[in-house]
Amino acid sequence: MAAPLLETRNISKRFGPVEALVNVSLSILAGRVHTLLGENGAGKSTLMKILAGVYAPTSGQIFIDGEEVNLQGPEDSRRLGIAIIFQELSLSNNRSVAENIYLNREPRSFGVIDDRKLLANARQLLDALEIPIDPTVHVGSLSMAQRQLVEIAKALSYPARVVIMDEPTSSLSDKEEANLMRIIKSLKKDGKAIIYISHRMEEIMRVSDDISVLRDGHYIRTLRREETNLNELIALMVGREMRDIYPPRLTPVVLDDKPPVLRVAGLQAPGEFTDVSFAVRSGEVVGFFGLIGAGRSEVMNALFGMLPATGTIEMDGKPVRIRRPLDAIRHGIGFVTENRKEQGLSLQHSVERNVNCVNFSGLANRFGILNEQQERERTDAAVRLIGIKTASTDEPVGNLSGGNQQKVVFSKWLEIRPRLLILDEPTRGVDVGAKYEIYRVIRELAAAGAAIVLVSSELPEALAMSDQLIVMREGRIVQTFNTAGLTPEMVMNHAAGATHAK
């Protein structure tokens, strides 16, 4: 067997009393994709940040080509040929795509940044990676999926021998994911080693050569892809078998004479989407699917008062005006946004404060004083409900793993018991065990009469969890399906415009 390009021996990491990693040893080979699998909080991202020089290990050793290295910071890691695509985007929203890709290493002429060469280099890189984004636009104007592609381009702009990909497809639809798979194939052919982290199990079985499982900071086992299957990997990861990832519907949707909980007619926002009309009934899950730029998230932002739009919005048969998020909340609308760091959480505040922040009025007396005991009780119940992993509910939510942050976002909206719950990529960066818990809660909310709108880039998720599936392309609804008997091929034909082309 070939000698490893990169090796960790007995790596441990403590954060105060918390052991994030305990004696983790891995061998990473050149020309192969080595997937790191584990639940949120298992230690995957912590280990990758150690390899990227962001964290120093509490103990243990790192070897490259058999020689021990001491990573004092990210510059040491990059100098030794390690590049990382972070799950949490590390981009500056007020800078252009080109400036983000080459930040702090811009081409210069006589000490002055050469803007022409900067743009030329960025355009050449994006073209080589087949990423259709204008390098002159500001990152803040891009969708989350487009930002993810810029993050990928930024990492691959460095000369690297080891490429770490932490949830690189979390915001990508199938078309963009296929492009990433092409890039990975090219990197393997060039002899690069890829360390891959993903919670998409089918994707893992397609892309991986070797798969290592972590659980609660401990190394469990490494398997070759051809030696294992999804059921075995899930059992190793969560410590138990999980036969059905998608729980069954609890009750059928009742098509009575009552008006829909939500009816939208002729909704449009210039440059974003046009003529969007649909309805969601009590107990129904209506899914939205589309490729990057389809306009799905923009529609959700408009429904929640975050994007100006014209058209008609009705709740329970009555017209409503939603000009800001507070209007939406007052009408019983909750919104799990795809951009949790900027729109879903207050990262410096505690888990407890984030879970209850939308429902302070329900926890305060008539003088506006919070009932701290009730706040703590509700937080503890939320933590138990979908398994938020945290050392304490007083922990700043910014210290949690990305998946656990997403569960906090989900939990805060459950506190107001919404009539309509908008879920924009609710399982982004969430492990398979936690996904099941979120799916279970969605089923229970629907059974209790909530109307749910689900935006998902994971087509299996959209098909399994939706009663109706709305397909968008280029800012318009192109097809609405009943999901009974619906196939992925039928959906993708409409999403990609194949039916239109015929």
Protein backbone atom coordinates (compact mmCIF):
# COMPACT_ATOMS: atom_id res chain seq x y z
CA MET A 1 0.00 0.00 0.00
CA ALA A 2 1.26 3.48 -0.87
CA ALA A 3 2.63 5.70 1.88
CA PRO A 4 0.15 8.36 3.05
CA LEU A 5 0.52 11.87 1.74
CA LEU A 6 -0.98 13.23 4.98
CA GLU A 7 -1.20 11.50 8.34
CA THR A 8 -2.55 12.43 11.77
CA ARG A 9 -1.44 10.49 14.84
CA ASN A 10 -3.36 10.64 18.10
CA ILE A 11 -4.70 14.14 17.53
CA SER A 12 -6.65 15.48 20.53
CA LYS A 13 -8.29 18.85 21.06
CA ARG A 14 -9.84 20.35 24.17
CA PHE A 15 -11.93 23.50 24.49
CA GLY A 16 -11.93 24.05 28.23
CA PRO A 17 -13.57 20.95 29.76
CA VAL A 18 -14.94 19.78 26.40
CA GLU A 19 -13.00 17.08 24.51
CA ALA A 20 -13.72 17.76 20.82
CA LEU A 21 -11.18 15.15 19.61
CA VAL A 22 -9.60 12.20 21.39
CA ASN A 23 -6.56 10.43 19.86
CA VAL A 24 -7.73 10.57 16.23
CA SER A 25 -5.38 8.92 13.71
CA LEU A 26 -5.98 9.02 9.94
CA SER A 27 -3.97 8.18 6.82
CA ILE A 28 -4.81 10.16 3.66
CA LEU A 29 -3.56 8.83 0.30
CA ALA A 30 -2.77 10.79 -2.87
CA GLY A 31 -5.20 10.47 -5.76
CA ARG A 32 -8.09 9.39 -3.57
CA VAL A 33 -11.15 10.93 -1.91
CA HIS A 34 -11.13 10.25 1.84
CA THR A 35 -14.53 11.05 3.35
CA LEU A 36 -14.89 11.97 7.01
CA LEU A 37 -18.31 10.94 8.31
CA GLY A 38 -19.96 11.69 11.63
CA GLU A 39 -22.85 13.43 13.35
CA ASN A 40 -22.78 17.16 14.10
CA GLY A 41 -20.35 17.66 16.97
CA ALA A 42 -18.39 14.48 16.15
CA GLY A 43 -15.22 16.55 15.62
CA LYS A 44 -14.92 16.57 11.83
CA SER A 45 -14.69 20.34 11.34
CA THR A 46 -12.42 20.69 14.39
CA LEU A 47 -9.96 18.20 12.88
CA MET A 48 -10.06 20.01 9.53
CA LYS A 49 -9.39 23.36 11.20
CA ILE A 50 -6.35 21.82 12.88
CA LEU A 51 -5.08 20.68 9.47
CA ALA A 52 -5.79 24.17 8.11
CA GLY A 53 -3.75 25.76 10.89
CA VAL A 54 -6.76 27.52 12.41
CA TYR A 55 -6.56 25.52 15.65
CA ALA A 56 -3.50 24.04 17.34
CA PRO A 57 -4.00 20.49 18.62
CA THR A 58 -3.86 19.92 22.36
CA SER A 59 -1.73 16.86 21.61
CA GLY A 60 -0.79 14.62 18.69
CA GLN A 61 1.26 14.83 15.50
CA ILE A 62 0.75 15.71 11.82
CA PHE A 63 2.93 14.25 9.06
CA ILE A 64 3.23 15.20 5.38
CA ASP A 65 5.20 12.78 3.17
CA GLY A 66 6.34 11.03 6.36
CA GLU A 67 7.86 14.18 7.91
CA GLU A 68 6.34 15.75 11.01
CA VAL A 69 5.10 19.32 10.54
CA ASN A 70 4.19 21.99 13.05
CA LEU A 71 1.39 24.22 11.78
CA GLN A 72 1.61 27.61 13.48
CA GLY A 73 -1.20 29.14 11.43
CA PRO A 74 -3.12 29.07 8.12
CA GLU A 75 -0.09 30.39 6.21
CA ASP A 76 1.97 27.35 7.27
CA SER A 77 -0.84 25.05 6.15
CA ARG A 78 -1.16 26.72 2.73
CA ARG A 79 2.62 26.78 2.29
CA LEU A 80 2.69 23.02 2.81
CA GLY A 81 -0.01 22.53 0.17
CA ILE A 82 -3.20 22.21 2.23
CA ALA A 83 -6.24 24.11 0.96
CA ILE A 84 -9.66 24.14 2.63
CA ILE A 85 -13.19 24.92 1.52
CA PHE A 86 -14.94 25.84 4.76
CA GLN A 87 -18.54 24.86 5.49
CA GLU A 88 -19.09 28.32 6.98
CA LEU A 89 -18.28 30.77 4.20
CA SER A 90 -15.25 33.01 4.80
CA LEU A 91 -16.08 35.70 2.24
CA SER A 92 -16.31 39.48 2.48
CA ASN A 93 -19.74 40.57 1.23
CA ASN A 94 -18.66 44.13 0.35
CA ARG A 95 -15.84 43.00 -1.96
CA SER A 96 -16.01 41.66 -5.50
CA VAL A 97 -15.72 37.99 -6.39
CA ALA A 98 -12.21 38.58 -7.77
CA GLU A 99 -11.11 40.47 -4.64
CA ASN A 100 -12.38 37.65 -2.44
CA ILE A 101 -10.60 34.94 -4.40
CA TYR A 102 -7.22 36.69 -4.24
CA LEU A 103 -7.61 38.59 -0.96
CA ASN A 104 -4.22 39.63 0.49
CA ARG A 105 -2.34 38.21 -2.52
CA GLU A 106 -3.54 40.45 -5.32
CA PRO A 107 -1.23 40.92 -8.34
CA ARG A 108 0.63 44.22 -8.00
CA SER A 109 2.54 46.58 -10.21
CA PHE A 110 4.99 48.93 -8.45
CA GLY A 111 3.22 48.14 -5.16
CA VAL A 112 -0.25 49.00 -6.48
CA ILE A 113 -2.94 46.38 -7.07
CA ASP A 114 -3.22 45.60 -10.79
CA ASP A 115 -7.02 45.48 -11.15
CA ARG A 116 -6.90 44.39 -14.77
CA LYS A 117 -4.69 41.39 -14.00
CA LEU A 118 -6.75 40.60 -10.88
CA LEU A 119 -9.92 40.35 -12.96
CA ALA A 120 -8.16 38.41 -15.71
CA ASN A 121 -6.82 35.86 -13.21
CA ALA A 122 -10.21 35.47 -11.54
CA ARG A 123 -12.01 35.13 -14.86
CA GLN A 124 -9.49 32.51 -16.06
CA LEU A 125 -9.94 30.50 -12.83
CA LEU A 126 -13.74 30.66 -12.91
CA ASP A 127 -13.78 29.67 -16.59
CA ALA A 128 -11.45 26.73 -15.91
CA LEU A 129 -13.76 25.55 -13.13
CA GLU A 130 -16.84 26.21 -15.30
CA ILE A 131 -18.34 28.50 -12.65
CA PRO A 132 -20.65 31.02 -14.41
CA ILE A 133 -20.18 34.02 -12.10
CA ASP A 134 -19.06 37.53 -13.04
CA PRO A 135 -15.82 38.25 -11.09
CA THR A 136 -16.69 41.96 -10.86
CA VAL A 137 -19.92 41.61 -8.83
CA HIS A 138 -19.97 42.00 -5.04
CA VAL A 139 -20.32 38.74 -3.11
CA GLY A 140 -23.12 40.26 -1.02
CA SER A 141 -25.35 40.33 -4.12
CA LEU A 142 -24.95 36.59 -4.77
CA SER A 143 -27.16 33.74 -3.61
CA MET A 144 -25.85 31.30 -1.00
CA ALA A 145 -25.23 28.71 -3.72
CA GLN A 146 -23.21 31.18 -5.77
CA ARG A 147 -21.20 32.18 -2.69
CA GLN A 148 -20.45 28.50 -2.12
CA LEU A 149 -19.04 28.29 -5.65
CA VAL A 150 -16.86 31.36 -4.99
CA GLU A 151 -15.59 29.70 -1.80
CA ILE A 152 -14.65 26.63 -3.85
CA ALA A 153 -12.85 28.76 -6.44
CA LYS A 154 -10.99 30.62 -3.69
CA ALA A 155 -9.67 27.39 -2.16
CA LEU A 156 -8.65 25.98 -5.53
CA SER A 157 -6.78 29.18 -6.44
CA TYR A 158 -3.98 28.06 -4.09
CA PRO A 159 -1.38 25.51 -5.25
CA ALA A 160 -2.47 22.53 -3.16
CA ARG A 161 -1.61 18.87 -2.71
CA VAL A 162 -4.36 18.24 -0.15
CA VAL A 163 -7.81 19.78 -0.70
CA ILE A 164 -10.22 19.72 2.24
CA MET A 165 -13.89 20.08 1.28
CA ASP A 166 -16.17 20.70 4.27
CA GLU A 167 -19.78 20.36 3.09
CA PRO A 168 -18.98 21.80 -0.38
CA THR A 169 -22.37 20.85 -1.86
CA SER A 170 -24.54 22.02 1.05
CA SER A 171 -25.98 24.90 -0.99
CA LEU A 172 -25.60 23.43 -4.47
CA SER A 173 -28.30 21.93 -6.66
CA ASP A 174 -27.73 18.80 -8.73
CA LYS A 175 -26.31 20.62 -11.77
CA GLU A 176 -23.68 22.52 -9.75
CA GLU A 177 -22.90 19.40 -7.72
CA ALA A 178 -22.18 17.53 -10.98
CA ASN A 179 -19.69 20.26 -11.89
CA LEU A 180 -17.97 19.85 -8.51
CA MET A 181 -17.74 16.08 -9.08
CA ARG A 182 -15.98 16.83 -12.38
CA ILE A 183 -13.50 19.08 -10.56
CA ILE A 184 -12.84 16.36 -7.96
CA LYS A 185 -12.20 13.80 -10.69
CA SER A 186 -9.65 16.16 -12.25
CA LEU A 187 -7.93 16.75 -8.89
CA LYS A 188 -7.64 13.01 -8.30
CA LYS A 189 -6.15 12.54 -11.76
CA ASP A 190 -3.52 15.16 -10.87
CA GLY A 191 -2.57 13.16 -7.76
CA LYS A 192 -4.19 15.44 -5.20
CA ALA A 193 -5.60 14.02 -1.98
CA ILE A 194 -9.15 15.13 -1.17
CA ILE A 195 -10.59 15.07 2.34
CA TYR A 196 -14.36 15.26 1.96
CA ILE A 197 -17.03 16.01 4.55
CA SER A 198 -20.71 15.64 3.69
CA HIS A 199 -23.97 14.58 5.32
CA ARG A 200 -25.50 13.58 1.99
CA MET A 201 -25.23 9.80 2.20
CA GLU A 202 -25.92 9.00 -1.46
CA GLU A 203 -23.32 11.59 -2.46
CA ILE A 204 -20.76 9.99 -0.13
CA MET A 205 -21.22 6.62 -1.80
CA ARG A 206 -20.65 8.21 -5.22
CA VAL A 207 -17.59 10.31 -4.50
CA SER A 208 -15.62 8.39 -1.84
CA ASP A 209 -12.71 6.00 -2.12
CA ASP A 210 -12.10 5.68 1.63
CA ILE A 211 -14.53 6.52 4.46
CA SER A 212 -13.56 7.19 8.09
CA VAL A 213 -16.20 7.49 10.81
CA LEU A 214 -15.92 9.71 13.88
CA ARG A 215 -18.34 9.59 16.82
CA ASP A 216 -18.26 11.98 19.80
CA GLY A 217 -14.68 13.01 18.98
CA HIS A 218 -13.37 9.43 18.73
CA TYR A 219 -12.12 7.58 15.67
CA ILE A 220 -14.37 4.57 14.99
CA ARG A 221 -13.30 2.88 11.75
CA THR A 222 -12.06 3.36 8.17
CA LEU A 223 -13.63 1.42 5.30
CA ARG A 224 -13.19 1.33 1.55
CA ARG A 225 -16.36 2.42 -0.22
CA GLU A 226 -16.79 -0.95 -1.94
CA GLU A 227 -16.57 -2.73 1.43
CA THR A 228 -19.54 -0.98 3.04
CA ASN A 229 -23.12 0.27 2.55
CA LEU A 230 -25.34 3.09 3.79
CA ASN A 231 -26.92 1.10 6.62
CA GLU A 232 -23.53 0.10 8.05
CA LEU A 233 -22.16 3.65 7.81
CA ILE A 234 -25.20 5.15 9.52
CA ALA A 235 -25.00 2.56 12.31
CA LEU A 236 -21.30 3.34 12.83
CA MET A 237 -21.97 7.07 12.79
CA VAL A 238 -24.96 7.29 15.15
CA GLY A 239 -24.35 4.14 17.19
CA ARG A 240 -27.67 2.63 16.12
CA GLU A 241 -29.41 1.40 12.99
CA MET A 242 -31.71 3.78 11.12
CA ARG A 243 -33.76 1.94 8.55
CA ASP A 244 -35.94 4.76 7.25
CA ILE A 245 -34.42 8.23 6.93
CA TYR A 246 -37.77 9.77 5.96
CA PRO A 247 -40.52 9.13 8.55
CA PRO A 248 -44.00 8.32 7.18
CA ARG A 249 -46.76 10.91 6.95
CA LEU A 250 -48.85 10.85 10.13
CA THR A 251 -52.18 11.95 8.64
CA PRO A 252 -53.40 12.62 5.09
CA VAL A 253 -54.04 16.17 3.91
CA VAL A 254 -57.77 16.91 4.18
CA LEU A 255 -59.06 18.79 1.13
CA ASP A 256 -62.02 20.56 2.77
CA ASP A 257 -63.83 23.76 1.84
CA LYS A 258 -61.67 25.94 4.10
CA PRO A 259 -59.43 28.45 2.34
CA PRO A 260 -55.72 27.60 2.18
CA VAL A 261 -53.52 28.82 5.03
CA LEU A 262 -51.48 30.64 2.35
CA ARG A 263 -52.49 31.70 -1.13
CA VAL A 264 -50.10 33.67 -3.34
CA ALA A 265 -51.16 35.21 -6.67
CA GLY A 266 -49.04 37.11 -9.18
CA LEU A 267 -46.15 37.71 -6.78
CA GLN A 268 -43.19 39.37 -8.45
CA ALA A 269 -39.96 41.20 -7.66
CA PRO A 270 -38.23 42.80 -10.66
CA GLY A 271 -35.00 41.03 -11.55
CA GLU A 272 -35.68 38.17 -9.09
CA PHE A 273 -38.91 36.35 -9.99
CA THR A 274 -42.23 36.98 -11.72
CA ASP A 275 -45.85 35.74 -11.68
CA VAL A 276 -45.47 33.30 -8.78
CA SER A 277 -48.82 31.80 -7.73
CA PHE A 278 -49.45 28.83 -5.42
CA ALA A 279 -51.35 27.74 -2.31
CA VAL A 280 -50.58 25.73 0.82
CA ARG A 281 -53.29 24.06 2.89
CA SER A 282 -53.37 23.12 6.53
CA GLY A 283 -51.33 19.95 7.06
CA GLU A 284 -49.69 20.18 3.64
CA VAL A 285 -45.99 20.33 2.72
CA VAL A 286 -45.38 22.16 -0.54
CA GLY A 287 -41.83 21.78 -1.82
CA PHE A 288 -39.86 24.15 -4.06
CA PHE A 289 -37.05 22.85 -6.26
CA GLY A 290 -34.82 24.51 -8.86
CA LEU A 291 -31.23 25.09 -9.92
CA ILE A 292 -29.07 28.05 -8.89
CA GLY A 293 -30.72 31.31 -9.91
CA ALA A 294 -34.21 29.80 -10.12
CA GLY A 295 -35.54 32.32 -7.58
CA ARG A 296 -36.76 29.96 -4.84
CA SER A 297 -35.07 31.68 -1.89
CA GLU A 298 -36.03 35.11 -3.24
CA VAL A 299 -39.72 34.09 -3.18
CA MET A 300 -39.35 32.97 0.43
CA ASN A 301 -37.64 36.24 1.37
CA ALA A 302 -40.54 38.16 -0.17
CA LEU A 303 -43.12 36.11 1.74
CA PHE A 304 -41.31 36.96 4.98
CA GLY A 305 -41.00 40.67 4.23
CA MET A 306 -37.26 40.65 3.52
CA LEU A 307 -37.56 41.48 -0.19
CA PRO A 308 -40.00 44.06 -1.65
CA ALA A 309 -42.52 42.43 -3.98
CA THR A 310 -45.92 43.09 -5.51
CA GLY A 311 -48.85 40.73 -5.83
CA THR A 312 -51.49 39.23 -3.58
CA ILE A 313 -50.82 37.29 -0.37
CA GLU A 314 -53.72 35.78 1.58
CA MET A 315 -53.67 34.03 4.96
CA ASP A 316 -56.77 31.92 5.71
CA GLY A 317 -58.61 33.63 2.87
CA LYS A 318 -57.88 37.20 4.00
CA PRO A 319 -55.49 39.58 2.19
CA VAL A 320 -52.41 40.54 4.24
CA ARG A 321 -49.61 43.05 3.75
CA ILE A 322 -46.15 41.84 4.65
CA ARG A 323 -43.60 44.64 4.37
CA ARG A 324 -41.16 43.46 7.04
CA PRO A 325 -40.43 40.27 9.03
CA LEU A 326 -42.38 41.55 12.06
CA ASP A 327 -45.53 41.65 9.91
CA ALA A 328 -44.94 38.02 8.88
CA ILE A 329 -44.38 36.89 12.47
CA ARG A 330 -47.58 38.63 13.60
CA HIS A 331 -49.48 36.68 10.94
CA GLY A 332 -48.07 33.41 12.30
CA ILE A 333 -45.29 32.86 9.75
CA GLY A 334 -41.94 31.37 10.76
CA PHE A 335 -38.88 31.26 8.51
CA VAL A 336 -35.87 28.96 8.76
CA THR A 337 -33.48 30.84 6.48
CA GLU A 338 -30.69 29.17 4.49
CA ASN A 339 -28.26 31.89 5.62
CA ARG A 340 -28.20 31.11 9.33
CA LYS A 341 -25.09 33.16 10.21
CA GLU A 342 -26.36 36.47 8.82
CA GLN A 343 -30.14 36.09 9.06
CA GLY A 344 -30.95 33.29 11.49
CA LEU A 345 -28.80 33.67 14.60
CA SER A 346 -27.16 36.09 16.98
CA LEU A 347 -23.83 34.26 17.16
CA GLN A 348 -22.49 36.02 20.25
CA HIS A 349 -25.61 35.27 22.31
CA SER A 350 -26.36 32.03 24.13
CA VAL A 351 -28.25 29.00 22.86
CA GLU A 352 -31.00 29.86 25.35
CA ARG A 353 -31.37 33.44 24.15
CA ASN A 354 -31.43 32.38 20.48
CA VAL A 355 -34.02 29.66 21.02
CA ASN A 356 -36.40 32.09 22.74
CA CYS A 357 -35.67 35.33 20.87
CA VAL A 358 -38.81 35.22 18.71
CA ASN A 359 -41.08 34.44 21.65
CA PHE A 360 -39.95 36.88 24.34
CA SER A 361 -43.46 38.30 24.58
CA GLY A 362 -44.75 34.86 25.54
CA LEU A 363 -42.17 34.61 28.33
CA ALA A 364 -42.63 38.08 29.84
CA ASN A 365 -45.08 39.39 32.41
CA ARG A 366 -47.19 42.51 31.88
CA PHE A 367 -44.24 44.66 32.93
CA GLY A 368 -42.01 43.17 30.22
CA ILE A 369 -39.84 41.17 32.65
CA LEU A 370 -38.76 37.75 31.38
CA ASN A 371 -39.59 34.61 33.35
CA GLU A 372 -36.07 33.15 33.41
CA GLN A 373 -37.17 29.78 34.79
CA GLN A 374 -39.71 29.33 32.00
CA GLU A 375 -37.09 30.45 29.45
CA ARG A 376 -34.68 27.80 30.72
CA GLU A 377 -37.36 25.10 30.72
CA ARG A 378 -38.34 25.86 27.13
CA THR A 379 -34.71 25.83 26.03
CA ASP A 380 -34.09 22.46 27.70
CA ALA A 381 -37.18 21.06 25.96
CA ALA A 382 -35.97 22.40 22.59
CA VAL A 383 -32.51 20.90 23.09
CA ARG A 384 -34.06 17.51 23.79
CA LEU A 385 -36.57 17.70 20.92
CA ILE A 386 -34.07 17.71 18.05
CA GLY A 387 -30.85 16.89 19.90
CA ILE A 388 -28.91 20.17 19.98
CA LYS A 389 -25.39 19.24 21.13
CA THR A 390 -23.99 21.90 23.43
CA ALA A 391 -21.92 21.89 26.62
CA SER A 392 -24.43 24.31 28.14
CA THR A 393 -27.47 26.32 27.03
CA ASP A 394 -25.44 29.35 28.18
CA GLU A 395 -22.86 28.57 25.46
CA PRO A 396 -22.62 31.24 22.71
CA VAL A 397 -24.33 29.76 19.67
CA GLY A 398 -21.33 30.80 17.53
CA ASN A 399 -19.28 28.11 19.33
CA LEU A 400 -21.53 25.29 18.10
CA SER A 401 -20.96 23.21 14.98
CA GLY A 402 -22.77 24.37 11.84
CA GLY A 403 -25.35 21.60 12.06
CA ASN A 404 -26.18 22.38 15.67
CA GLN A 405 -26.51 26.06 14.81
CA GLN A 406 -29.07 25.06 12.18
CA LYS A 407 -31.01 23.11 14.81
CA VAL A 408 -31.10 26.21 17.02
CA VAL A 409 -32.58 28.22 14.12
CA PHE A 410 -35.22 25.55 13.65
CA SER A 411 -36.02 25.42 17.36
CA LYS A 412 -36.63 29.15 17.76
CA TRP A 413 -39.49 29.11 15.25
CA LEU A 414 -41.12 26.10 16.89
CA GLU A 415 -41.55 28.25 20.00
CA ILE A 416 -44.22 30.42 18.31
CA ARG A 417 -46.14 27.41 16.90
CA PRO A 418 -46.43 28.96 13.43
CA ARG A 419 -49.48 28.60 11.19
CA LEU A 420 -47.12 28.70 8.21
CA LEU A 421 -43.51 27.57 8.43
CA ILE A 422 -41.12 28.40 5.58
CA LEU A 423 -38.10 26.09 5.53
CA ASP A 424 -35.30 27.21 3.21
CA GLU A 425 -32.72 24.38 3.14
CA PRO A 426 -33.59 23.31 6.73
CA THR A 427 -31.17 20.35 6.77
CA ARG A 428 -28.18 22.16 5.25
CA GLY A 429 -25.05 20.91 7.04
CA VAL A 430 -27.07 18.58 9.28
CA ASP A 431 -26.14 14.93 9.82
CA VAL A 432 -28.43 12.02 8.97
CA GLY A 433 -29.48 11.41 12.58
CA ALA A 434 -30.44 15.05 13.09
CA LYS A 435 -32.13 15.13 9.69
CA TYR A 436 -34.45 12.37 10.84
CA GLU A 437 -35.37 14.41 13.92
CA ILE A 438 -36.10 17.48 11.79
CA TYR A 439 -38.17 15.41 9.36
CA ARG A 440 -40.09 13.94 12.31
CA VAL A 441 -40.86 17.43 13.63
CA ILE A 442 -42.02 18.52 10.15
CA ARG A 443 -44.38 15.55 10.03
CA GLU A 444 -45.72 16.35 13.54
CA LEU A 445 -46.24 20.03 12.66
CA ALA A 446 -48.15 19.07 9.51
CA ALA A 447 -50.26 16.57 11.48
CA ALA A 448 -51.10 19.36 13.94
CA GLY A 449 -52.38 21.50 11.07
CA ALA A 450 -49.41 23.73 10.17
CA ALA A 451 -48.84 24.61 6.52
CA ILE A 452 -45.24 24.12 5.43
CA VAL A 453 -43.22 25.42 2.48
CA LEU A 454 -40.00 23.46 1.99
CA VAL A 455 -37.15 24.68 -0.23
CA SER A 456 -34.53 21.99 -0.82
CA SER A 457 -31.61 21.44 -3.18
CA GLU A 458 -31.63 17.74 -2.22
CA LEU A 459 -34.06 16.21 -4.69
CA PRO A 460 -34.59 12.97 -2.68
CA GLU A 461 -35.52 15.12 0.33
CA ALA A 462 -37.87 17.31 -1.70
CA LEU A 463 -39.60 14.27 -3.20
CA ALA A 464 -39.90 12.34 0.05
CA MET A 465 -41.13 15.18 2.26
CA SER A 466 -43.45 17.12 -0.08
CA ASP A 467 -47.10 16.55 -1.00
CA GLN A 468 -46.77 18.92 -3.95
CA LEU A 469 -43.52 19.95 -5.61
CA ILE A 470 -43.21 23.28 -7.41
CA VAL A 471 -40.34 23.53 -9.91
CA MET A 472 -38.85 26.95 -10.68
CA ARG A 473 -36.52 28.03 -13.46
CA GLU A 474 -35.19 31.52 -14.17
CA GLY A 475 -37.55 33.22 -11.74
CA ARG A 476 -40.75 31.49 -12.85
CA ILE A 477 -42.80 28.48 -11.81
CA VAL A 478 -42.54 26.03 -14.71
CA GLN A 479 -44.39 23.03 -13.27
CA THR A 480 -46.33 21.90 -10.21
CA PHE A 481 -46.39 18.17 -9.43
CA ASN A 482 -48.21 15.88 -7.08
CA THR A 483 -45.30 13.87 -5.69
CA ALA A 484 -47.08 10.48 -5.78
CA GLY A 485 -45.21 8.50 -8.42
CA LEU A 486 -42.99 11.45 -9.31
CA THR A 487 -39.45 10.57 -10.47
CA PRO A 488 -36.24 12.61 -10.15
CA GLU A 489 -35.85 12.58 -13.93
CA MET A 490 -39.23 14.27 -14.43
CA VAL A 491 -38.30 17.02 -11.97
CA MET A 492 -34.82 17.63 -13.40
CA ASN A 493 -36.13 17.83 -16.96
CA HIS A 494 -38.25 20.82 -15.96
CA ALA A 495 -35.66 22.36 -13.64
CA ALA A 496 -32.97 22.29 -16.32
CA GLY A 497 -35.28 23.31 -19.16
CA ALA A 498 -34.94 20.03 -21.05
CA THR A 499 -38.67 19.81 -21.72
CA HIS A 500 -38.68 23.41 -22.95
CA ALA A 501 -35.74 22.66 -25.27
CA LYS A 502 -37.68 19.83 -26.87
